[in-house]
Structure formats: C-alpha cells, structure tokens
Amino acid sequence: MNIQGVKQRFGIIGKSPLLERALNTAIRVATTDLSVLIQGESGVGKEVFSRIIHELSIRKHNNFIAINCGAIPAGTINSELFGHEKGSFTGAVTERKGYFETVNGGTIFLDEIGEMPLDTQAYLLRILESGEFLRVGSSKVLNTDVRVIAATNVNLEEKIHSNKFREDLYYRLNTVPIKVPALHERREDIYMLFRKFSGDFAEKYRSDSITLTSDAKAMIENYRWPGNIRELKNMVEQLSVLSEIKEVDVDHLVDLVLTSRAGYCLALA
C-alpha cells in the first residue's frame, strides 16, 4: 500500500516531508517481523503508527493490544504482561494468562516503554531474544510468538545513562526507529488539521464549521503546540462550542481560549 492509501485508510491528515518519511518507514517495516521503536512527543499519534504496522503485516488477522506501561503499577505489570500462577502473591486467587500469552500470534504495542520497571525489561528482553517467558510464581518456561512495537516520548539514551533503562533492550527494540514529528515540525499541516477537526465537529452536531481569518491562521501555525494533535483538536472543539461567530479572528481566538484555559494562548499572543 502506498502512502496516500495509508493516509486515507487511517485518517491521517498532512503532507509534511517528515510525516511522509515516518509513514514510509512504517509501511516498509510492516511487512517484516522486526521490532520497532516509535519516538515522538505526547499527542503526535504514535499508537496510530503501531496500528498501521500491525494492519499491514502478516499478523493483521490476529490480535492487537495497546498497553500503556506508565499506567500499570510496578507491582502488577509482570502479572499483566506475563501472567501468574494461583497463590503466587496476595490476591492471586486463580491463575491468569498475561498479554504475551493471550496475544500469541499477534502484536503488542508497549507505549511509554521508558516507564517499564527494570525487572520487567529483563523479562521482555528474553521474549524478544527467544520467545520464552515465565508466569509470575512459575518455573515452567512458556513460549510466545508476538511482535513488539514500543513507543516513547522520552529520551531513552538519557534513561540508559541514569541506569533506568537497559541498553541491550534499547538496541533490541530500536531495530527500526520511527520518529513521528511534533506538530510544530509540520506547520504546513496545522491548518489542514484545523479544518478537518472543525468539519468533523460541525458534522457531528449539525452546525456550521468555524473558520479562521488569515491573521488567526498565521497565529495557530506559529504556536508550538506542546500537546500536539490532541491539543489542537481540543482547541478546535472549544472554539466550535464557545464562538458566537463562525470566522474567528485573532482577538476571539485569544479571548475564547484564555477564558477557559488561563495562560494557554500566551505563547500565541
């Protein structure tokens, strides 16, 4: 599948060279079984890239699961990923299969991989190298065939230097790196995304789409968008609800957003 086909299928808006480079890498690596490390700021759409890789792979008819490593407590993440035996810890009243067992044959997306505890990293490395793992509380070696796609919004090399991330795991995951650009690195796409979100909102609520004056358009294109696409979509929905006029100018843009989120537009102004 070519880049244009992938954009249409997965609802990706933009023509930035950096975006297209990342998409091209995802398309090329999808047909292999290599591990992938997706890097990018929060809100840039890293999970969408993981789904592209899975859906274009030979595993597409098998399970896909996305797991946020930063959202699972350190005390339970090994059980979640690898399973546990009955009685292996307080509260383990039955045996449980982990994700690496239940998603056998499919793809696991590990988001915020930099938050994974060091002992869990060691177990993950063993799976990547041999496909072998142990349930918590068991000595029986089990096997799994799972493709791992990892993502991070932090600098893993800095984590390695501070002994919070295994260097061998980093190089094993980073077989094919994909850098998803931040929104401020693809300014030519910002207004296209604005129009898409505005149109989607108008269609959903059967209203007219909001638009921007040329000055307001220039303003959003020069804002850094630290929350990336997620932040832009939130702002468009906010404006769609709060604006009494359909062509929003600079003053309305600043006033409406400042009213609901103090300090948000200071960088714009």
Protein backbone atom coordinates (compact mmCIF):
# COMPACT_ATOMS: atom_id res chain seq x y z
CA MET A 1 0.00 0.00 0.00
CA ASN A 2 1.29 3.48 -0.86
CA ILE A 3 1.42 6.50 1.46
CA GLN A 4 -1.74 8.07 0.06
CA GLY A 5 -3.67 4.84 0.56
CA VAL A 6 -2.44 4.58 4.16
CA LYS A 7 -3.46 8.19 4.86
CA GLN A 8 -6.97 7.57 3.58
CA ARG A 9 -7.38 4.26 5.39
CA PHE A 10 -6.17 5.52 8.76
CA GLY A 11 -7.50 9.08 8.57
CA ILE A 12 -4.07 10.75 8.56
CA ILE A 13 -4.05 14.40 7.51
CA GLY A 14 -0.89 16.12 6.28
CA LYS A 15 1.72 16.41 3.58
CA SER A 16 4.81 17.28 5.64
CA PRO A 17 8.01 15.56 4.40
CA LEU A 18 8.79 14.47 7.97
CA LEU A 19 5.36 12.88 8.33
CA GLU A 20 5.67 11.12 4.98
CA ARG A 21 9.13 9.83 5.87
CA ALA A 22 7.75 8.31 9.08
CA LEU A 23 4.81 6.77 7.20
CA ASN A 24 7.11 5.35 4.52
CA THR A 25 9.26 3.69 7.19
CA ALA A 26 6.16 2.23 8.88
CA ILE A 27 4.90 0.82 5.56
CA ARG A 28 8.26 -0.73 4.72
CA VAL A 29 8.84 -2.32 8.13
CA ALA A 30 5.25 -3.62 8.41
CA THR A 31 5.95 -6.49 6.02
CA THR A 32 8.80 -7.73 8.22
CA ASP A 33 8.64 -9.12 11.75
CA LEU A 34 11.23 -6.74 13.17
CA SER A 35 10.79 -4.90 16.46
CA VAL A 36 10.03 -1.22 16.08
CA LEU A 37 10.63 1.76 18.35
CA ILE A 38 8.34 4.73 17.70
CA GLN A 39 9.62 8.01 19.11
CA GLY A 40 7.73 11.26 19.43
CA GLU A 41 6.18 13.77 21.80
CA SER A 42 2.94 13.07 23.62
CA GLY A 43 -0.09 13.58 21.38
CA VAL A 44 1.59 13.08 17.98
CA GLY A 45 -0.24 9.84 17.17
CA LYS A 46 2.28 7.10 17.95
CA GLU A 47 -0.46 4.49 18.50
CA VAL A 48 -1.82 5.16 15.00
CA PHE A 49 1.59 4.20 13.61
CA SER A 50 1.58 0.98 15.63
CA ARG A 51 -1.83 0.10 14.17
CA ILE A 52 -0.60 0.85 10.64
CA ILE A 53 2.31 -1.56 11.14
CA HIS A 54 0.02 -4.28 12.52
CA GLU A 55 -2.72 -3.86 9.90
CA LEU A 56 -0.21 -4.04 7.02
CA SER A 57 1.59 -7.07 8.46
CA ILE A 58 1.03 -10.81 8.09
CA ARG A 59 -0.33 -10.72 11.66
CA LYS A 60 -3.26 -8.44 10.71
CA HIS A 61 -5.89 -11.15 11.28
CA ASN A 62 -4.57 -11.83 14.80
CA ASN A 63 -4.92 -9.80 17.98
CA PHE A 64 -3.52 -6.33 18.54
CA ILE A 65 -3.34 -4.83 22.02
CA ALA A 66 -2.04 -1.44 23.18
CA ILE A 67 -0.60 -1.23 26.68
CA ASN A 68 0.50 1.95 28.44
CA CYS A 69 3.45 0.89 30.60
CA GLY A 70 3.23 4.11 32.60
CA ALA A 71 -0.37 3.40 33.63
CA ILE A 72 0.22 -0.05 35.17
CA PRO A 73 1.58 -0.14 38.76
CA ALA A 74 5.09 -1.60 39.02
CA GLY A 75 3.80 -4.31 41.37
CA THR A 76 1.33 -5.73 38.84
CA ILE A 77 2.91 -5.12 35.42
CA ASN A 78 4.68 -8.50 35.33
CA SER A 79 1.40 -10.27 36.05
CA GLU A 80 -0.39 -8.21 33.38
CA LEU A 81 2.21 -8.94 30.72
CA PHE A 82 3.32 -12.48 31.56
CA GLY A 83 0.53 -13.89 33.74
CA HIS A 84 0.70 -15.50 37.17
CA GLU A 85 0.04 -18.78 38.95
CA LYS A 86 -2.60 -19.23 41.63
CA GLY A 87 -1.21 -18.24 45.03
CA SER A 88 1.89 -16.56 43.61
CA PHE A 89 1.09 -13.35 45.52
CA THR A 90 -1.61 -11.92 47.76
CA GLY A 91 -4.79 -11.66 45.74
CA ALA A 92 -3.78 -14.25 43.13
CA VAL A 93 -6.79 -16.47 43.81
CA THR A 94 -6.70 -18.02 40.33
CA GLU A 95 -4.12 -18.45 37.62
CA ARG A 96 -4.07 -15.75 34.95
CA LYS A 97 -2.74 -15.64 31.42
CA GLY A 98 -0.78 -12.50 30.59
CA TYR A 99 -0.96 -10.47 27.38
CA PHE A 100 2.04 -12.22 25.85
CA GLU A 101 0.12 -15.49 26.17
CA THR A 102 -3.31 -14.27 25.04
CA VAL A 103 -1.99 -12.24 22.09
CA ASN A 104 0.17 -15.09 20.80
CA GLY A 105 0.49 -14.69 17.02
CA GLY A 106 -0.43 -11.02 17.16
CA THR A 107 1.11 -7.65 18.01
CA ILE A 108 1.66 -5.91 21.35
CA PHE A 109 2.14 -2.15 21.40
CA LEU A 110 4.04 -1.04 24.52
CA ASP A 111 3.54 2.68 24.93
CA GLU A 112 5.70 4.70 27.35
CA ILE A 113 8.26 1.90 27.33
CA GLY A 114 10.64 4.16 29.26
CA GLU A 115 8.40 3.76 32.34
CA MET A 116 8.77 -0.03 32.39
CA PRO A 117 10.50 -1.33 35.57
CA LEU A 118 13.98 -2.79 35.14
CA ASP A 119 13.00 -6.33 36.13
CA THR A 120 10.16 -6.28 33.57
CA GLN A 121 12.65 -5.04 30.97
CA ALA A 122 14.75 -8.14 31.58
CA TYR A 123 11.73 -10.41 31.02
CA LEU A 124 10.81 -8.51 27.85
CA LEU A 125 14.35 -8.86 26.51
CA ARG A 126 14.14 -12.63 26.98
CA ILE A 127 10.92 -12.73 24.94
CA LEU A 128 12.47 -10.65 22.17
CA GLU A 129 15.52 -12.89 22.02
CA SER A 130 13.97 -16.34 22.44
CA GLY A 131 10.19 -16.04 22.69
CA GLU A 132 10.40 -17.55 26.18
CA PHE A 133 8.79 -16.27 29.39
CA LEU A 134 7.67 -17.39 32.83
CA ARG A 135 4.41 -16.62 34.57
CA VAL A 136 4.86 -14.94 37.95
CA GLY A 137 5.27 -17.72 40.52
CA SER A 138 6.03 -20.42 37.96
CA SER A 139 9.21 -22.18 36.87
CA LYS A 140 7.66 -23.59 33.69
CA VAL A 141 9.06 -21.97 30.54
CA LEU A 142 6.35 -20.92 28.09
CA ASN A 143 6.74 -19.73 24.51
CA THR A 144 5.04 -16.98 22.58
CA ASP A 145 5.21 -15.55 19.08
CA VAL A 146 4.38 -11.87 19.45
CA ARG A 147 5.60 -8.86 17.54
CA VAL A 148 6.58 -6.00 19.85
CA ILE A 149 6.16 -2.38 18.85
CA ALA A 150 7.35 0.05 21.51
CA ALA A 151 6.93 3.80 21.83
CA THR A 152 8.42 6.53 23.95
CA ASN A 153 8.09 10.27 24.45
CA VAL A 154 11.30 10.48 26.46
CA ASN A 155 14.97 10.16 25.55
CA LEU A 156 15.79 6.53 26.27
CA GLU A 157 19.53 7.12 25.90
CA GLU A 158 19.33 9.50 28.86
CA LYS A 159 17.44 6.81 30.78
CA ILE A 160 20.25 4.37 29.95
CA HIS A 161 22.85 6.79 31.31
CA SER A 162 20.90 7.13 34.55
CA ASN A 163 20.57 3.32 34.80
CA LYS A 164 16.78 3.38 34.38
CA PHE A 165 16.67 1.58 31.04
CA ARG A 166 18.60 -1.42 29.80
CA GLU A 167 20.99 -0.65 26.97
CA ASP A 168 20.65 -4.14 25.47
CA LEU A 169 16.85 -3.81 25.40
CA TYR A 170 17.11 -0.40 23.76
CA TYR A 171 19.20 -1.74 20.89
CA ARG A 172 16.95 -4.81 20.57
CA LEU A 173 13.82 -2.63 20.32
CA ASN A 174 15.44 0.02 18.16
CA THR A 175 15.98 -2.28 15.18
CA VAL A 176 13.89 0.10 13.09
CA PRO A 177 13.31 3.53 14.66
CA ILE A 178 10.39 5.70 13.54
CA LYS A 179 10.38 9.37 14.52
CA VAL A 180 6.88 10.83 14.44
CA PRO A 181 7.25 14.61 14.03
CA ALA A 182 5.79 17.06 16.51
CA LEU A 183 3.08 19.38 15.20
CA HIS A 184 5.40 22.40 15.28
CA GLU A 185 7.73 20.48 12.94
CA ARG A 186 4.95 20.16 10.35
CA ARG A 187 3.45 23.64 10.34
CA GLU A 188 2.13 23.21 6.80
CA ASP A 189 -0.29 20.61 8.19
CA ILE A 190 -1.72 22.65 11.08
CA TYR A 191 -4.48 24.46 9.19
CA MET A 192 -5.39 21.27 7.29
CA LEU A 193 -5.91 19.56 10.63
CA PHE A 194 -7.84 22.57 11.94
CA ARG A 195 -10.26 22.34 9.00
CA LYS A 196 -10.64 18.57 9.44
CA PHE A 197 -11.47 18.85 13.15
CA SER A 198 -13.78 21.81 12.55
CA GLY A 199 -15.62 19.90 9.81
CA ASP A 200 -15.91 16.76 11.93
CA PHE A 201 -17.38 18.75 14.84
CA ALA A 202 -19.85 20.57 12.57
CA GLU A 203 -20.97 17.30 11.00
CA LYS A 204 -21.43 15.62 14.37
CA TYR A 205 -23.54 18.44 15.80
CA ARG A 206 -25.16 19.56 12.52
CA SER A 207 -23.74 23.08 12.73
CA ASP A 208 -21.60 25.31 10.52
CA SER A 209 -17.83 24.85 10.57
CA ILE A 210 -15.75 27.56 12.17
CA THR A 211 -13.03 29.16 10.06
CA LEU A 212 -10.11 31.50 10.81
CA THR A 213 -9.08 34.88 9.47
CA SER A 214 -5.65 34.97 7.84
CA ASP A 215 -4.11 36.51 10.98
CA ALA A 216 -5.66 33.86 13.22
CA LYS A 217 -4.49 31.15 10.81
CA ALA A 218 -0.93 32.53 10.99
CA MET A 219 -1.20 32.57 14.78
CA ILE A 220 -2.06 28.90 15.13
CA GLU A 221 0.61 27.98 12.59
CA ASN A 222 3.26 29.73 14.69
CA TYR A 223 2.19 28.35 18.07
CA ARG A 224 4.36 25.49 19.34
CA TRP A 225 1.51 23.10 20.27
CA PRO A 226 3.20 21.25 23.15
CA GLY A 227 0.20 18.90 23.32
CA ASN A 228 0.42 18.33 19.55
CA ILE A 229 -2.59 16.98 17.59
CA ARG A 230 -4.51 16.20 20.77
CA GLU A 231 -4.18 19.81 21.91
CA LEU A 232 -5.17 21.23 18.51
CA LYS A 233 -8.30 19.06 18.35
CA ASN A 234 -9.26 20.11 21.87
CA MET A 235 -8.88 23.77 20.94
CA VAL A 236 -10.98 23.41 17.76
CA GLU A 237 -13.78 21.76 19.72
CA GLN A 238 -13.55 24.51 22.33
CA LEU A 239 -13.82 27.24 19.71
CA SER A 240 -16.68 25.42 17.97
CA VAL A 241 -18.67 25.46 21.21
CA LEU A 242 -17.77 28.91 22.53
CA SER A 243 -17.52 31.11 19.44
CA GLU A 244 -20.64 33.09 18.51
CA ILE A 245 -19.12 33.96 15.12
CA LYS A 246 -18.08 31.44 12.51
CA GLU A 247 -14.97 33.29 11.26
CA VAL A 248 -12.71 33.55 14.27
CA ASP A 249 -10.20 36.40 14.32
CA VAL A 250 -7.10 36.84 16.48
CA ASP A 251 -8.93 38.63 19.30
CA HIS A 252 -11.65 35.99 19.50
CA LEU A 253 -9.08 33.21 19.28
CA VAL A 254 -7.11 34.53 22.23
CA ASP A 255 -10.11 35.65 24.29
CA LEU A 256 -12.13 32.46 23.93
CA VAL A 257 -9.29 30.10 24.70
CA LEU A 258 -7.89 32.25 27.51
CA THR A 259 -11.32 32.39 29.11
CA SER A 260 -11.44 28.65 29.55
CA ARG A 261 -7.74 27.82 29.92
CA ALA A 262 -5.73 30.54 31.58
CA GLY A 263 -2.30 31.06 30.06
CA TYR A 264 -2.92 28.74 27.12
CA CYS A 265 -2.58 31.37 24.42
CA LEU A 266 0.16 33.49 25.95
CA ALA A 267 2.59 31.86 23.56
CA LEU A 268 0.27 32.77 20.70
CA ALA A 269 -0.16 36.35 21.80
